[in-house]
Amino acid sequence: MSYKDIKSVFPIEKILFFIFISVFIACSDDDTVTSTDEDDEEIVEEEEVSTTVDDTDFEATDWTTATHSKDADPDFDEVFEDNAVKRLDIVITEDRWESMLDNMTSLYGSFGGSSQGGGPVGTTSTDEDPIFVPAEVFYEGIEWYRVGVRFKGNSSLQSTWQAGNLKLSFKLDFDEFEDDYPQIDNQRFYGFKKLSLKNNFDDKSMLREKVAADVFRNAGLAVSNTAFYTVYVDHGDGPIYFGLYTLVEEVDDTVIDEQFSDDDGNLYKPDGDAATFAAGTYDEDEYVKKTNEDDADFSDVESLLNILHDASRTTDAAAWRTNLDATLDTDVFLKYLATNTVIQNWDTYGRMSHNYYLYNNPDNSKLTWIPWDNNEALQTGKQQGSAALDFSNITASQWPLISYLYTDDVYQAKYDAYVQEVIEGPFNEATVQALYASYSALIEPYATSETEGYTFLNSSADFQNAVNELNAHATSRTAAVNSYLNR
């Protein structure tokens, strides 16, 4: 394994062990030396065999219950510390790295090249995820073994790849390859099975993913924990700084396990026309199940669609609300809608038909809205958007969950109350600007390095300019909310 900072990763006992093994291998074949060229070729062949390492033959010497075992509770303080920038090292063999790049080329065309619509030239798009490969992950001098690592993302992954930038997002699955390597059965990273490393695409402040999640959480919504990490990747020639990333907790791993009392409900990640819940769009293939995948029961999302569009909405609004409240946690949705609209988020429901989860909470049998993927939040005017908090003119044929609830007087009053709650609390101008100041000071040395790493910045000045834009945005949203509430 090539690793420049081996002293920081391995204790001295391991280093001495590796030295002993190297000396033993070098000396063990002395009796095979011969003076003929033919025999020299045989010696080379024997040495190649004798020094080949069986990829499955290893001992997980760093394994402890607290760090690696499924039996440990998730350690949020260790993994998702707010006021620190931590480091992860990913070590991938050269061959496996090349297979990852080759796979990306097959999905999205040549690195640094352009294509039509997201795939290789001549294709329109791909629904296929990039491949997982086994890799080693190092953190604080501890090794995690044969971790499943792949590139992740959708349009952001495609755009970054085609721009010729290797600061790609990663997905880590710590027991993806447990069938191939029994030593890592139920391997966890401080209690976490899966984690995402977001590359902060289209965000020169590198703060939006984290701050948006903080605001959602402070508003009382279920949402992923996040933290800042520097990422180094060694794919054969030593560790290379890939830049500052945001580590994000996976919803289908610990979010539903830790933020709900029961994780046995159906979890969906809708994507496509069906994700709009527009009339006539029901499609089980687009209500992608992340739990209970082998159970063909989609009755909960089907009921939501039917009740949402039921004629009682206009003939008996009270009955319609009762039935809708029994299927969808409308209070959670309205609080989410208020928060999402106050902070402005341009790559989610109401603009794009993806980037949210629905969880059927076993406590109340209601589908509960969970936000996801917030790097496009906290800015003005994306996706031909406006500053409006009033949804009177939104298209019911496309975004009925917003349109129908907003045009109902009872639901609109709840939405308005949540808008006021958000601007006075989690997105209070002074509060969020203090958060921007704290986080930007924390990450600035890692975000603006111009001597190493991959970045979306053209210069270090881009970072501070982006932070200034966030502060100005917070001020403008306060004015917009006050205008809306005083209408």
Protein backbone atom coordinates (compact mmCIF):
# COMPACT_ATOMS: atom_id res chain seq x y z
CA MET A 1 0.00 0.00 0.00
CA SER A 2 1.48 3.36 -1.01
CA TYR A 3 0.99 5.94 1.68
CA LYS A 4 3.14 9.01 2.20
CA ASP A 5 2.16 9.65 5.80
CA ILE A 6 2.48 6.06 6.98
CA LYS A 7 3.73 7.11 10.42
CA SER A 8 0.49 8.92 11.12
CA VAL A 9 -1.58 5.96 10.00
CA PHE A 10 0.23 2.93 11.43
CA PRO A 11 1.65 2.53 14.93
CA ILE A 12 5.38 1.72 15.11
CA GLU A 13 4.70 -1.94 15.84
CA LYS A 14 3.02 -2.31 12.42
CA ILE A 15 5.86 -0.52 10.66
CA LEU A 16 8.44 -2.85 12.27
CA PHE A 17 6.32 -5.84 11.29
CA PHE A 18 6.21 -4.70 7.63
CA ILE A 19 10.00 -4.23 7.66
CA PHE A 20 10.50 -7.73 9.08
CA ILE A 21 8.25 -9.28 6.43
CA SER A 22 10.06 -7.40 3.63
CA VAL A 23 13.47 -8.59 4.83
CA PHE A 24 12.20 -12.16 5.24
CA ILE A 25 10.82 -12.25 1.67
CA ALA A 26 13.99 -10.76 0.24
CA CYS A 27 16.18 -13.37 1.92
CA SER A 28 13.99 -16.46 1.64
CA ASP A 29 14.84 -17.38 -1.96
CA ASP A 30 18.68 -17.34 -1.74
CA ASP A 31 18.95 -21.07 -2.50
CA THR A 32 17.22 -20.64 -5.87
CA VAL A 33 20.00 -18.53 -7.46
CA THR A 34 21.49 -19.96 -10.64
CA SER A 35 23.80 -18.65 -13.40
CA THR A 36 21.70 -19.45 -16.45
CA ASP A 37 19.42 -16.94 -18.19
CA GLU A 38 16.71 -19.58 -18.42
CA ASP A 39 16.85 -20.13 -14.67
CA ASP A 40 16.83 -16.34 -14.07
CA GLU A 41 13.43 -16.21 -15.79
CA GLU A 42 12.24 -19.00 -13.53
CA ILE A 43 13.45 -17.06 -10.48
CA VAL A 44 11.44 -14.00 -11.53
CA GLU A 45 8.32 -16.12 -11.90
CA GLU A 46 8.85 -17.68 -8.46
CA GLU A 47 9.39 -14.26 -6.86
CA GLU A 48 6.21 -12.87 -8.44
CA VAL A 49 4.22 -15.74 -6.99
CA SER A 50 5.85 -15.56 -3.56
CA THR A 51 5.24 -11.81 -3.13
CA THR A 52 1.64 -11.74 -4.42
CA VAL A 53 -0.72 -10.75 -1.59
CA ASP A 54 -4.04 -12.55 -1.32
CA ASP A 55 -6.59 -9.72 -1.15
CA THR A 56 -8.79 -11.79 1.15
CA ASP A 57 -5.98 -12.82 3.47
CA PHE A 58 -5.73 -10.09 6.09
CA GLU A 59 -6.44 -9.52 9.73
CA ALA A 60 -8.57 -6.58 10.84
CA THR A 61 -6.14 -5.60 13.58
CA ASP A 62 -7.62 -2.13 14.20
CA TRP A 63 -11.10 -3.52 14.81
CA THR A 64 -12.74 -2.53 18.09
CA THR A 65 -16.34 -2.58 19.20
CA ALA A 66 -16.56 1.20 19.45
CA THR A 67 -14.96 1.94 16.08
CA HIS A 68 -15.93 -0.93 13.80
CA SER A 69 -18.75 -3.02 15.26
CA LYS A 70 -22.44 -2.97 14.46
CA ASP A 71 -23.02 -3.36 18.20
CA ALA A 72 -21.89 0.21 18.92
CA ASP A 73 -24.36 3.08 18.91
CA PRO A 74 -23.63 5.76 16.30
CA ASP A 75 -21.11 8.22 17.72
CA PHE A 76 -22.42 11.53 16.42
CA ASP A 77 -20.01 13.58 18.53
CA GLU A 78 -17.03 11.84 16.91
CA VAL A 79 -18.22 11.74 13.31
CA PHE A 80 -20.32 14.90 13.04
CA GLU A 81 -18.50 17.47 15.13
CA ASP A 82 -19.69 20.95 14.19
CA ASN A 83 -16.65 22.98 15.16
CA ALA A 84 -13.87 20.98 13.54
CA VAL A 85 -12.52 20.07 10.12
CA LYS A 86 -11.51 16.43 10.23
CA ARG A 87 -9.59 14.32 7.73
CA LEU A 88 -10.42 11.11 5.88
CA ASP A 89 -7.93 9.18 3.74
CA ILE A 90 -9.16 6.77 1.08
CA VAL A 91 -6.62 4.30 -0.31
CA ILE A 92 -7.56 2.54 -3.57
CA THR A 93 -5.31 0.30 -5.64
CA GLU A 94 -4.27 1.69 -8.99
CA ASP A 95 -6.20 -0.98 -10.90
CA ARG A 96 -9.39 -0.37 -8.96
CA TRP A 97 -9.08 3.39 -9.41
CA GLU A 98 -8.70 2.90 -13.14
CA SER A 99 -11.81 0.71 -13.17
CA MET A 100 -13.74 3.51 -11.45
CA LEU A 101 -12.58 6.04 -14.04
CA ASP A 102 -13.32 3.65 -16.91
CA ASN A 103 -16.81 3.12 -15.54
CA MET A 104 -17.38 6.88 -15.33
CA THR A 105 -16.26 7.21 -18.95
CA SER A 106 -18.81 4.60 -19.98
CA LEU A 107 -21.54 6.46 -18.09
CA TYR A 108 -20.70 10.10 -18.82
CA GLY A 109 -18.19 10.21 -21.64
CA SER A 110 -14.55 11.21 -21.56
CA PHE A 111 -13.18 13.07 -18.56
CA GLY A 112 -13.15 16.79 -19.32
CA GLY A 113 -15.26 16.26 -22.43
CA SER A 114 -18.83 17.27 -23.18
CA SER A 115 -21.80 15.14 -24.13
CA GLN A 116 -25.46 15.59 -24.84
CA GLY A 117 -27.73 15.26 -21.85
CA GLY A 118 -25.51 13.51 -19.35
CA GLY A 119 -24.16 10.31 -20.86
CA PRO A 120 -21.56 9.46 -23.46
CA VAL A 121 -22.00 11.23 -26.77
CA GLY A 122 -25.12 9.94 -28.49
CA THR A 123 -26.98 9.08 -25.28
CA THR A 124 -29.44 11.14 -23.26
CA SER A 125 -28.97 10.12 -19.62
CA THR A 126 -28.13 7.25 -17.31
CA ASP A 127 -29.97 5.82 -14.32
CA GLU A 128 -27.02 3.58 -13.47
CA ASP A 129 -24.93 4.28 -10.38
CA PRO A 130 -21.13 4.19 -10.68
CA ILE A 131 -19.46 1.00 -9.49
CA PHE A 132 -18.30 0.25 -5.97
CA VAL A 133 -14.73 -0.92 -5.40
CA PRO A 134 -13.06 -2.08 -2.18
CA ALA A 135 -10.80 0.52 -0.57
CA GLU A 136 -9.20 1.22 2.78
CA VAL A 137 -10.36 4.22 4.80
CA PHE A 138 -8.14 5.83 7.44
CA TYR A 139 -9.22 8.20 10.18
CA GLU A 140 -7.20 9.33 13.19
CA GLY A 141 -4.64 6.55 12.66
CA ILE A 142 -7.26 3.79 12.44
CA GLU A 143 -7.96 1.65 9.38
CA TRP A 144 -11.33 0.47 8.04
CA TYR A 145 -11.00 -2.47 5.68
CA ARG A 146 -12.28 -3.14 2.15
CA VAL A 147 -14.84 -0.33 2.39
CA GLY A 148 -17.16 0.01 -0.59
CA VAL A 149 -16.34 3.31 -2.32
CA ARG A 150 -17.99 4.78 -5.39
CA PHE A 151 -18.60 8.14 -7.01
CA LYS A 152 -22.06 9.56 -6.33
CA GLY A 153 -24.41 12.23 -7.57
CA ASN A 154 -26.61 13.01 -10.52
CA SER A 155 -26.27 16.21 -12.55
CA SER A 156 -23.53 17.46 -10.21
CA LEU A 157 -21.50 14.29 -10.81
CA GLN A 158 -21.94 14.56 -14.56
CA SER A 159 -21.07 18.26 -14.63
CA THR A 160 -17.98 17.90 -12.45
CA TRP A 161 -16.68 14.96 -14.48
CA GLN A 162 -17.27 16.64 -17.83
CA ALA A 163 -15.60 19.82 -16.56
CA GLY A 164 -12.43 17.80 -15.96
CA ASN A 165 -12.50 18.24 -12.19
CA LEU A 166 -11.75 15.22 -9.99
CA LYS A 167 -13.40 16.75 -6.93
CA LEU A 168 -16.21 14.21 -7.26
CA SER A 169 -18.61 13.22 -4.51
CA PHE A 170 -18.14 9.79 -2.90
CA LYS A 171 -20.39 7.27 -1.24
CA LEU A 172 -18.93 5.00 1.44
CA ASP A 173 -20.52 1.68 2.43
CA PHE A 174 -18.51 0.03 5.17
CA ASP A 175 -19.82 -3.51 4.70
CA GLU A 176 -20.62 -3.45 0.97
CA PHE A 177 -18.10 -6.24 0.38
CA GLU A 178 -18.68 -8.31 3.52
CA ASP A 179 -19.58 -11.38 1.43
CA ASP A 180 -16.14 -11.24 -0.21
CA TYR A 181 -14.27 -10.41 2.99
CA PRO A 182 -15.75 -12.17 6.05
CA GLN A 183 -13.41 -10.20 8.30
CA ILE A 184 -15.56 -7.07 7.76
CA ASP A 185 -18.95 -8.64 8.46
CA ASN A 186 -21.21 -5.79 9.66
CA GLN A 187 -18.32 -3.32 9.64
CA ARG A 188 -19.32 0.17 10.76
CA PHE A 189 -17.62 3.55 11.08
CA TYR A 190 -18.37 4.51 14.68
CA GLY A 191 -21.81 2.96 14.26
CA PHE A 192 -22.49 4.24 10.71
CA LYS A 193 -22.88 1.81 7.81
CA LYS A 194 -23.15 4.36 5.00
CA LEU A 195 -21.95 7.94 4.59
CA SER A 196 -21.83 10.45 1.76
CA LEU A 197 -18.98 12.85 1.03
CA LYS A 198 -20.54 15.79 -0.83
CA ASN A 199 -18.20 17.87 -2.98
CA ASN A 200 -20.15 21.15 -2.47
CA PHE A 201 -20.80 21.46 -6.18
CA ASP A 202 -21.87 24.93 -7.37
CA ASP A 203 -21.14 26.37 -3.92
CA LYS A 204 -18.02 28.49 -3.67
CA SER A 205 -18.72 29.15 0.01
CA MET A 206 -18.82 25.38 0.70
CA LEU A 207 -21.28 26.18 3.50
CA ARG A 208 -24.73 25.65 2.03
CA GLU A 209 -25.08 21.90 2.53
CA LYS A 210 -24.17 22.20 6.19
CA VAL A 211 -25.98 25.43 7.08
CA ALA A 212 -29.20 24.37 5.37
CA ALA A 213 -29.17 21.11 7.32
CA ASP A 214 -28.54 23.06 10.53
CA VAL A 215 -31.53 25.31 9.81
CA PHE A 216 -33.83 22.37 9.06
CA ARG A 217 -32.74 20.64 12.28
CA ASN A 218 -33.14 23.78 14.36
CA ALA A 219 -36.65 24.12 12.91
CA GLY A 220 -37.44 20.71 14.41
CA LEU A 221 -37.36 18.62 11.23
CA ALA A 222 -35.74 15.23 10.67
CA VAL A 223 -32.63 15.77 8.55
CA SER A 224 -29.14 14.34 8.05
CA ASN A 225 -26.28 15.37 10.31
CA THR A 226 -23.37 17.01 8.49
CA ALA A 227 -19.73 17.93 9.13
CA PHE A 228 -16.69 19.30 7.31
CA TYR A 229 -13.90 16.94 6.22
CA THR A 230 -10.79 17.21 4.12
CA VAL A 231 -10.45 14.20 1.81
CA TYR A 232 -7.20 12.66 0.60
CA VAL A 233 -7.19 9.88 -1.98
CA ASP A 234 -4.21 7.60 -2.60
CA HIS A 235 -4.74 5.71 -5.87
CA GLY A 236 -1.19 4.49 -6.27
CA ASP A 237 1.21 7.41 -5.87
CA GLY A 238 0.55 8.64 -2.35
CA PRO A 239 -2.21 10.77 -0.86
CA ILE A 240 -3.63 13.53 -3.06
CA TYR A 241 -5.70 16.32 -1.53
CA PHE A 242 -9.13 16.20 -3.15
CA GLY A 243 -10.40 19.21 -1.23
CA LEU A 244 -12.92 20.19 1.44
CA TYR A 245 -16.05 18.04 1.54
CA THR A 246 -19.24 17.90 3.60
CA LEU A 247 -19.85 14.53 5.22
CA VAL A 248 -23.58 13.73 5.21
CA GLU A 249 -25.47 11.12 7.20
CA GLU A 250 -27.50 8.75 5.01
CA VAL A 251 -31.26 8.83 5.53
CA ASP A 252 -31.69 5.10 4.96
CA ASP A 253 -28.99 4.31 7.51
CA THR A 254 -29.06 6.15 10.82
CA VAL A 255 -31.49 9.04 10.21
CA ILE A 256 -34.60 6.89 10.41
CA ASP A 257 -33.03 4.72 13.08
CA GLU A 258 -32.03 7.60 15.36
CA GLN A 259 -34.63 10.30 14.65
CA PHE A 260 -37.69 8.05 14.69
CA SER A 261 -38.63 5.53 17.35
CA ASP A 262 -38.98 2.75 14.78
CA ASP A 263 -37.06 2.16 11.53
CA ASP A 264 -39.32 -0.55 10.10
CA GLY A 265 -41.52 1.73 7.98
CA ASN A 266 -41.38 2.21 4.22
CA LEU A 267 -38.76 4.75 3.17
CA TYR A 268 -39.07 6.20 -0.32
CA LYS A 269 -36.80 8.40 -2.38
CA PRO A 270 -39.18 9.57 -5.15
CA ASP A 271 -37.66 10.68 -8.43
CA GLY A 272 -39.36 11.53 -11.69
CA ASP A 273 -42.89 12.54 -12.64
CA ALA A 274 -44.40 10.45 -9.83
CA ALA A 275 -42.37 12.49 -7.34
CA THR A 276 -44.54 15.52 -8.16
CA PHE A 277 -47.72 13.70 -7.02
CA ALA A 278 -49.49 15.28 -9.97
CA ALA A 279 -52.69 13.59 -11.09
CA GLY A 280 -52.09 10.51 -13.21
CA THR A 281 -48.37 10.17 -12.39
CA TYR A 282 -48.51 7.17 -10.02
CA ASP A 283 -45.60 4.88 -10.87
CA GLU A 284 -44.14 2.43 -8.38
CA ASP A 285 -40.83 2.42 -10.24
CA GLU A 286 -40.41 6.12 -9.42
CA TYR A 287 -41.25 5.72 -5.74
CA VAL A 288 -37.88 4.14 -5.11
CA LYS A 289 -37.93 2.07 -1.94
CA LYS A 290 -34.94 2.26 0.38
CA THR A 291 -36.39 -0.07 3.02
CA ASN A 292 -38.66 -3.11 2.71
CA GLU A 293 -37.54 -3.39 -0.91
CA ASP A 294 -38.85 -6.93 -1.27
CA ASP A 295 -42.34 -5.92 -0.12
CA ALA A 296 -44.50 -4.89 -3.08
CA ASP A 297 -46.83 -2.80 -0.89
CA PHE A 298 -46.95 0.81 -2.10
CA SER A 299 -50.41 1.49 -0.71
CA ASP A 300 -49.24 4.41 1.44
CA VAL A 301 -47.93 6.55 -1.42
CA GLU A 302 -50.84 5.46 -3.63
CA SER A 303 -53.28 6.58 -0.92
CA LEU A 304 -51.55 9.94 -0.66
CA LEU A 305 -51.94 10.51 -4.38
CA ASN A 306 -55.62 9.47 -4.36
CA ILE A 307 -56.57 11.52 -1.29
CA LEU A 308 -54.66 14.58 -2.50
CA HIS A 309 -56.71 14.64 -5.70
CA ASP A 310 -60.02 13.53 -4.21
CA ALA A 311 -63.04 15.62 -5.18
CA SER A 312 -63.79 16.31 -1.52
CA ARG A 313 -61.02 18.90 -1.61
CA THR A 314 -63.50 21.34 -3.16
CA THR A 315 -66.79 19.87 -1.86
CA ASP A 316 -65.93 19.09 1.78
CA ALA A 317 -62.59 20.61 2.70
CA ALA A 318 -62.75 19.51 6.35
CA ALA A 319 -63.21 15.85 5.38
CA TRP A 320 -60.44 16.19 2.80
CA ARG A 321 -58.06 17.60 5.39
CA THR A 322 -58.94 14.83 7.85
CA ASN A 323 -58.16 12.14 5.30
CA LEU A 324 -55.00 13.87 4.12
CA ASP A 325 -53.77 14.39 7.70
CA ALA A 326 -54.20 10.66 8.32
CA THR A 327 -51.91 9.81 5.38
CA LEU A 328 -49.35 12.64 5.23
CA ASP A 329 -47.85 14.41 8.23
CA THR A 330 -49.07 17.75 6.94
CA ASP A 331 -47.64 19.69 9.87
CA VAL A 332 -44.16 18.40 9.03
CA PHE A 333 -44.66 19.12 5.34
CA LEU A 334 -45.87 22.68 5.98
CA LYS A 335 -42.97 23.35 8.37
CA TYR A 336 -40.58 21.96 5.76
CA LEU A 337 -42.22 24.07 3.03
CA ALA A 338 -41.95 27.22 5.13
CA THR A 339 -38.31 26.57 6.04
CA ASN A 340 -37.36 25.55 2.52
CA THR A 341 -39.02 28.65 1.05
CA VAL A 342 -37.57 31.11 3.56
CA ILE A 343 -34.01 29.87 2.94
CA GLN A 344 -34.72 29.34 -0.79
CA ASN A 345 -33.80 25.92 -2.14
CA TRP A 346 -33.70 25.42 -5.89
CA ASP A 347 -33.14 21.70 -6.42
CA THR A 348 -36.07 20.11 -4.65
CA TYR A 349 -39.86 19.77 -4.68
CA GLY A 350 -41.54 22.80 -6.19
CA ARG A 351 -38.69 23.23 -8.67
CA MET A 352 -37.34 19.74 -9.33
CA SER A 353 -39.02 16.38 -8.83
CA HIS A 354 -36.42 14.81 -6.51
CA ASN A 355 -34.18 15.40 -3.48
CA TYR A 356 -36.50 14.43 -0.68
CA TYR A 357 -37.46 11.27 1.19
CA LEU A 358 -40.83 10.10 2.50
CA TYR A 359 -40.84 7.88 5.56
CA ASN A 360 -43.94 6.06 6.76
CA ASN A 361 -43.50 6.69 10.46
CA PRO A 362 -44.74 3.57 12.31
CA ASP A 363 -45.68 5.75 15.30
CA ASN A 364 -48.55 7.38 13.41
CA SER A 365 -48.64 5.61 10.02
CA LYS A 366 -48.12 8.95 8.30
CA LEU A 367 -45.71 9.70 5.48
CA THR A 368 -43.14 12.16 6.83
CA TRP A 369 -41.13 14.53 4.64
CA ILE A 370 -37.31 14.48 4.99
CA PRO A 371 -35.18 17.02 3.06
CA TRP A 372 -32.09 15.91 1.17
CA ASP A 373 -29.25 17.41 -0.90
CA ASN A 374 -29.12 21.10 -0.04
CA ASN A 375 -26.10 22.49 -1.90
CA GLU A 376 -28.41 24.62 -4.08
CA ALA A 377 -30.08 26.28 -1.08
CA LEU A 378 -29.43 29.73 0.45
CA GLN A 379 -29.26 31.74 -2.75
CA THR A 380 -31.54 33.89 -4.89
CA GLY A 381 -32.99 33.26 -8.30
CA LYS A 382 -31.93 29.76 -9.39
CA GLN A 383 -34.16 27.77 -11.77
CA GLN A 384 -35.88 30.98 -12.95
CA GLY A 385 -37.11 31.45 -9.40
CA SER A 386 -38.27 34.46 -7.48
CA ALA A 387 -38.29 35.67 -3.89
CA ALA A 388 -42.01 34.91 -3.47
CA LEU A 389 -43.29 33.16 -0.37
CA ASP A 390 -46.85 33.30 -1.73
CA PHE A 391 -47.81 30.17 -3.69
CA SER A 392 -51.13 31.41 -5.05
CA ASN A 393 -49.91 31.15 -8.63
CA ILE A 394 -48.04 27.86 -8.43
CA THR A 395 -49.16 25.27 -10.96
CA ALA A 396 -51.44 22.68 -9.34
CA SER A 397 -51.00 20.34 -12.28
CA GLN A 398 -47.29 20.10 -11.52
CA TRP A 399 -46.83 20.73 -7.77
CA PRO A 400 -50.17 19.85 -6.16
CA LEU A 401 -48.82 19.26 -2.65
CA ILE A 402 -47.90 22.93 -2.50
CA SER A 403 -50.78 24.33 -4.51
CA TYR A 404 -53.62 22.46 -2.82
CA LEU A 405 -52.36 23.00 0.72
CA TYR A 406 -51.56 26.66 0.20
CA THR A 407 -54.97 27.46 -1.29
CA ASP A 408 -56.67 25.84 1.71
CA ASP A 409 -57.23 28.52 4.38
CA VAL A 410 -56.46 26.21 7.33
CA TYR A 411 -53.22 24.94 5.86
CA GLN A 412 -52.17 28.39 4.66
CA ALA A 413 -52.55 29.78 8.18
CA LYS A 414 -50.25 27.03 9.49
CA TYR A 415 -47.73 27.72 6.74
CA ASP A 416 -47.71 31.43 7.55
CA ALA A 417 -47.15 30.68 11.24
CA TYR A 418 -44.19 28.47 10.38
CA VAL A 419 -42.73 31.17 8.09
CA GLN A 420 -42.75 33.58 11.02
CA GLU A 421 -41.32 30.93 13.33
CA VAL A 422 -38.42 30.25 10.96
CA ILE A 423 -37.44 33.88 10.42
CA GLU A 424 -37.57 34.59 14.15
CA GLY A 425 -35.72 31.41 15.09
CA PRO A 426 -33.42 29.17 13.01
CA PHE A 427 -33.09 31.66 10.13
CA ASN A 428 -33.02 34.81 12.19
CA GLU A 429 -30.69 37.19 10.34
CA ALA A 430 -28.24 37.71 13.20
CA THR A 431 -28.25 34.03 14.12
CA VAL A 432 -27.50 32.72 10.65
CA GLN A 433 -24.92 35.41 9.91
CA ALA A 434 -23.09 34.45 13.10
CA LEU A 435 -23.17 30.86 11.89
CA TYR A 436 -21.72 31.91 8.53
CA ALA A 437 -18.93 33.80 10.32
CA SER A 438 -18.07 30.87 12.55
CA TYR A 439 -18.08 28.22 9.83
CA SER A 440 -16.29 30.33 7.23
CA ALA A 441 -13.45 31.07 9.65
CA LEU A 442 -13.24 27.35 10.43
CA ILE A 443 -13.00 26.10 6.85
CA GLU A 444 -11.25 28.98 5.07
CA PRO A 445 -7.70 27.51 5.29
CA TYR A 446 -8.90 24.24 3.74
CA ALA A 447 -11.28 25.78 1.19
CA THR A 448 -8.94 28.33 -0.38
CA SER A 449 -5.68 26.42 -0.74
CA GLU A 450 -4.35 27.29 -4.19
CA THR A 451 -1.30 25.04 -4.04
CA GLU A 452 -2.99 21.67 -3.82
CA GLY A 453 -6.31 19.92 -4.13
CA TYR A 454 -9.23 20.07 -6.52
CA THR A 455 -11.60 23.01 -6.26
CA PHE A 456 -14.47 24.87 -7.89
CA LEU A 457 -12.87 28.21 -7.00
CA ASN A 458 -11.13 30.33 -9.61
CA SER A 459 -9.25 32.18 -6.86
CA SER A 460 -9.23 32.41 -3.07
CA ALA A 461 -11.27 35.62 -3.35
CA ASP A 462 -14.20 33.58 -4.67
CA PHE A 463 -14.66 32.05 -1.24
CA GLN A 464 -15.08 35.30 0.68
CA ASN A 465 -17.25 36.76 -2.08
CA ALA A 466 -19.55 33.74 -1.75
CA VAL A 467 -19.74 34.18 2.05
CA ASN A 468 -20.63 37.84 1.52
CA GLU A 469 -23.43 36.76 -0.80
CA LEU A 470 -24.78 34.43 1.91
CA ASN A 471 -24.88 37.30 4.40
CA ALA A 472 -26.65 39.55 1.91
CA HIS A 473 -29.11 36.75 1.15
CA ALA A 474 -30.01 36.44 4.83
CA THR A 475 -30.76 40.16 4.97
CA SER A 476 -32.89 40.04 1.83
CA ARG A 477 -34.89 37.08 3.11
CA THR A 478 -35.73 38.90 6.31
CA ALA A 479 -37.13 41.77 4.25
CA ALA A 480 -39.04 39.38 1.99
CA VAL A 481 -40.61 37.52 4.90
CA ASN A 482 -41.62 40.73 6.66
CA SER A 483 -43.22 41.97 3.46
CA TYR A 484 -45.07 38.68 3.00
CA LEU A 485 -46.38 38.50 6.57
CA ASN A 486 -47.50 42.14 6.52
CA ARG A 487 -49.40 41.83 3.24
